[in-house]
């Protein structure tokens, strides 16, 4: 039976002060020119609805005064979170990135033991106000400029 080792890297608001990893206790991890400090958190993954238009995910942290302070700012200011799920080698070094998710912190809450943050997909243009992208030739190739297209 083969074992698969996974780790999660998280960056909130493109800020190095809020860059965390959840698999190397007591040490930081470097990836892509950024250092990720250890924080005990979980990523619930993206869930799609039947229409396929909504990919929400969640983050769960331990509740304490430090995490409550920045979690409140994340919700109030609509921070953008980038989550990278990494495949790890047996020595816990990164082999490759399996999945990347970018979402806006849309809501959150806490109780005595945990803080939960809900991330909405940046592709949801109705609910999320994340800086958009314009379609251009470099992103999608040739763009038709007429409705008279024959196949």
Protein backbone atom coordinates (compact mmCIF):
# COMPACT_ATOMS: atom_id res chain seq x y z
CA UNK A 1 0.00 0.00 0.00
CA UNK A 2 1.44 3.35 -1.07
CA UNK A 3 1.36 6.38 1.16
CA UNK A 4 0.64 9.84 -0.19
CA UNK A 5 1.96 12.76 1.83
CA UNK A 6 0.17 16.07 1.35
CA UNK A 7 0.86 19.52 2.73
CA UNK A 8 -0.91 22.83 2.32
CA UNK A 9 0.64 26.24 1.74
CA UNK A 10 -1.56 29.29 2.40
CA UNK A 11 -1.00 32.96 1.64
CA UNK A 12 -3.54 35.53 2.77
CA UNK A 13 -3.77 38.97 1.17
CA UNK A 14 -0.47 38.44 -0.70
CA UNK A 15 1.28 39.25 2.55
CA UNK A 16 4.34 37.37 3.77
CA UNK A 17 3.19 37.93 7.38
CA UNK A 18 0.21 35.69 6.60
CA UNK A 19 1.96 32.83 4.80
CA UNK A 20 1.42 29.50 6.52
CA UNK A 21 2.06 25.78 6.02
CA UNK A 22 0.49 22.96 7.98
CA UNK A 23 2.90 20.02 7.79
CA UNK A 24 6.35 20.88 9.23
CA UNK A 25 5.86 21.62 12.91
CA UNK A 26 8.15 24.22 14.45
CA UNK A 27 9.89 25.24 11.22
CA UNK A 28 9.22 27.21 8.09
CA UNK A 29 9.10 26.04 4.48
CA UNK A 30 10.38 27.96 1.45
CA UNK A 31 8.52 27.77 -1.83
CA UNK A 32 8.43 30.17 -4.76
CA UNK A 33 10.64 32.71 -3.00
CA UNK A 34 8.34 32.95 0.03
CA UNK A 35 8.72 31.53 3.55
CA UNK A 36 5.72 29.80 5.09
CA UNK A 37 5.59 29.58 8.89
CA UNK A 38 3.92 26.64 10.61
CA UNK A 39 0.30 27.09 11.68
CA UNK A 40 -2.13 24.30 12.59
CA UNK A 41 -4.94 24.70 10.05
CA UNK A 42 -6.98 22.60 7.67
CA UNK A 43 -8.23 23.26 4.15
CA UNK A 44 -11.61 21.73 3.37
CA UNK A 45 -11.18 21.93 -0.38
CA UNK A 46 -13.35 23.32 -3.11
CA UNK A 47 -16.97 22.20 -3.42
CA UNK A 48 -18.89 22.74 -6.64
CA UNK A 49 -22.65 23.05 -6.89
CA UNK A 50 -24.76 21.37 -9.57
CA UNK A 51 -24.61 24.39 -11.87
CA UNK A 52 -20.81 24.38 -11.70
CA UNK A 53 -20.67 28.10 -11.02
CA UNK A 54 -19.53 28.06 -7.43
CA UNK A 55 -16.31 26.72 -5.96
CA UNK A 56 -16.24 27.56 -2.27
CA UNK A 57 -13.65 26.30 0.17
CA UNK A 58 -12.93 26.64 3.85
CA UNK A 59 -10.06 27.14 6.25
CA UNK A 60 -10.13 26.13 9.92
CA UNK A 61 -7.61 27.52 12.43
CA UNK A 62 -7.08 27.13 16.16
CA UNK A 63 -8.87 29.95 17.97
CA UNK A 64 -6.69 32.29 20.02
CA UNK A 65 -6.25 36.05 20.40
CA UNK A 66 -3.66 36.25 17.58
CA UNK A 67 -5.69 34.39 14.96
CA UNK A 68 -8.92 36.17 15.94
CA UNK A 69 -7.29 39.57 15.34
CA UNK A 70 -6.24 38.92 11.75
CA UNK A 71 -9.23 36.68 10.93
CA UNK A 72 -11.58 39.56 11.70
CA UNK A 73 -9.57 41.81 9.36
CA UNK A 74 -9.63 39.11 6.68
CA UNK A 75 -13.43 38.94 6.76
CA UNK A 76 -14.04 42.70 7.11
CA UNK A 77 -11.61 43.63 4.33
CA UNK A 78 -12.29 40.67 1.99
CA UNK A 79 -8.74 39.36 1.85
CA UNK A 80 -7.76 37.06 -1.00
CA UNK A 81 -6.35 33.67 -0.03
CA UNK A 82 -4.19 31.42 -2.20
CA UNK A 83 -4.08 27.76 -1.17
CA UNK A 84 -1.61 25.33 -2.71
CA UNK A 85 -1.94 21.60 -2.06
CA UNK A 86 1.51 20.03 -2.33
CA UNK A 87 2.62 16.45 -2.88
CA UNK A 88 5.47 15.77 -0.47
CA UNK A 89 8.41 13.42 -0.61
CA UNK A 90 9.07 11.09 2.33
CA UNK A 91 11.42 13.65 3.91
CA UNK A 92 8.59 16.27 3.79
CA UNK A 93 10.24 18.25 1.02
CA UNK A 94 7.99 19.41 -1.81
CA UNK A 95 7.81 17.15 -4.84
CA UNK A 96 5.23 19.13 -6.83
CA UNK A 97 2.11 21.26 -6.55
CA UNK A 98 -1.07 19.23 -7.10
CA UNK A 99 -3.70 21.95 -6.87
CA UNK A 100 -3.99 25.69 -6.42
CA UNK A 101 -7.10 27.53 -5.27
CA UNK A 102 -7.59 31.29 -5.07
CA UNK A 103 -10.58 32.65 -3.19
CA UNK A 104 -11.85 35.72 -1.42
CA UNK A 105 -12.57 35.53 2.32
CA UNK A 106 -16.33 35.97 2.27
CA UNK A 107 -17.37 35.04 5.77
CA UNK A 108 -16.06 33.61 8.99
CA UNK A 109 -16.80 32.83 12.57
CA UNK A 110 -15.34 31.31 15.67
CA UNK A 111 -16.15 29.46 18.84
CA UNK A 112 -13.96 28.55 21.83
CA UNK A 113 -11.71 26.18 19.91
CA UNK A 114 -11.66 27.09 16.21
CA UNK A 115 -11.93 29.82 13.62
CA UNK A 116 -13.55 29.09 10.28
CA UNK A 117 -13.06 31.20 7.17
CA UNK A 118 -15.10 30.63 4.00
CA UNK A 119 -13.37 31.34 0.70
CA UNK A 120 -15.50 32.13 -2.35
CA UNK A 121 -14.07 31.51 -5.76
CA UNK A 122 -12.70 34.49 -7.62
CA UNK A 123 -14.57 33.16 -10.65
CA UNK A 124 -17.88 34.09 -9.01
CA UNK A 125 -18.18 37.61 -10.37
CA UNK A 126 -21.55 38.25 -8.76
CA UNK A 127 -20.56 37.66 -5.13
CA UNK A 128 -16.83 38.37 -5.26
CA UNK A 129 -15.27 41.70 -6.04
CA UNK A 130 -11.77 40.47 -6.83
CA UNK A 131 -9.67 42.31 -9.39
CA UNK A 132 -10.83 40.87 -12.68
CA UNK A 133 -8.97 39.88 -15.80
CA UNK A 134 -9.69 40.98 -19.32
CA UNK A 135 -9.88 38.48 -22.13
CA UNK A 136 -6.98 38.97 -24.50
CA UNK A 137 -5.12 37.02 -27.13
CA UNK A 138 -2.37 35.91 -24.69
CA UNK A 139 -4.89 34.36 -22.30
CA UNK A 140 -7.32 32.60 -24.63
CA UNK A 141 -5.99 32.72 -28.18
CA UNK A 142 -7.85 34.15 -31.15
CA UNK A 143 -10.91 36.14 -30.11
CA UNK A 144 -13.83 36.33 -32.56
CA UNK A 145 -14.91 39.90 -33.26
CA UNK A 146 -18.14 39.06 -35.06
CA UNK A 147 -21.23 37.01 -34.30
CA UNK A 148 -21.22 35.57 -37.84
CA UNK A 149 -19.14 32.46 -37.16
CA UNK A 150 -19.56 29.34 -39.29
CA UNK A 151 -18.34 26.01 -38.03
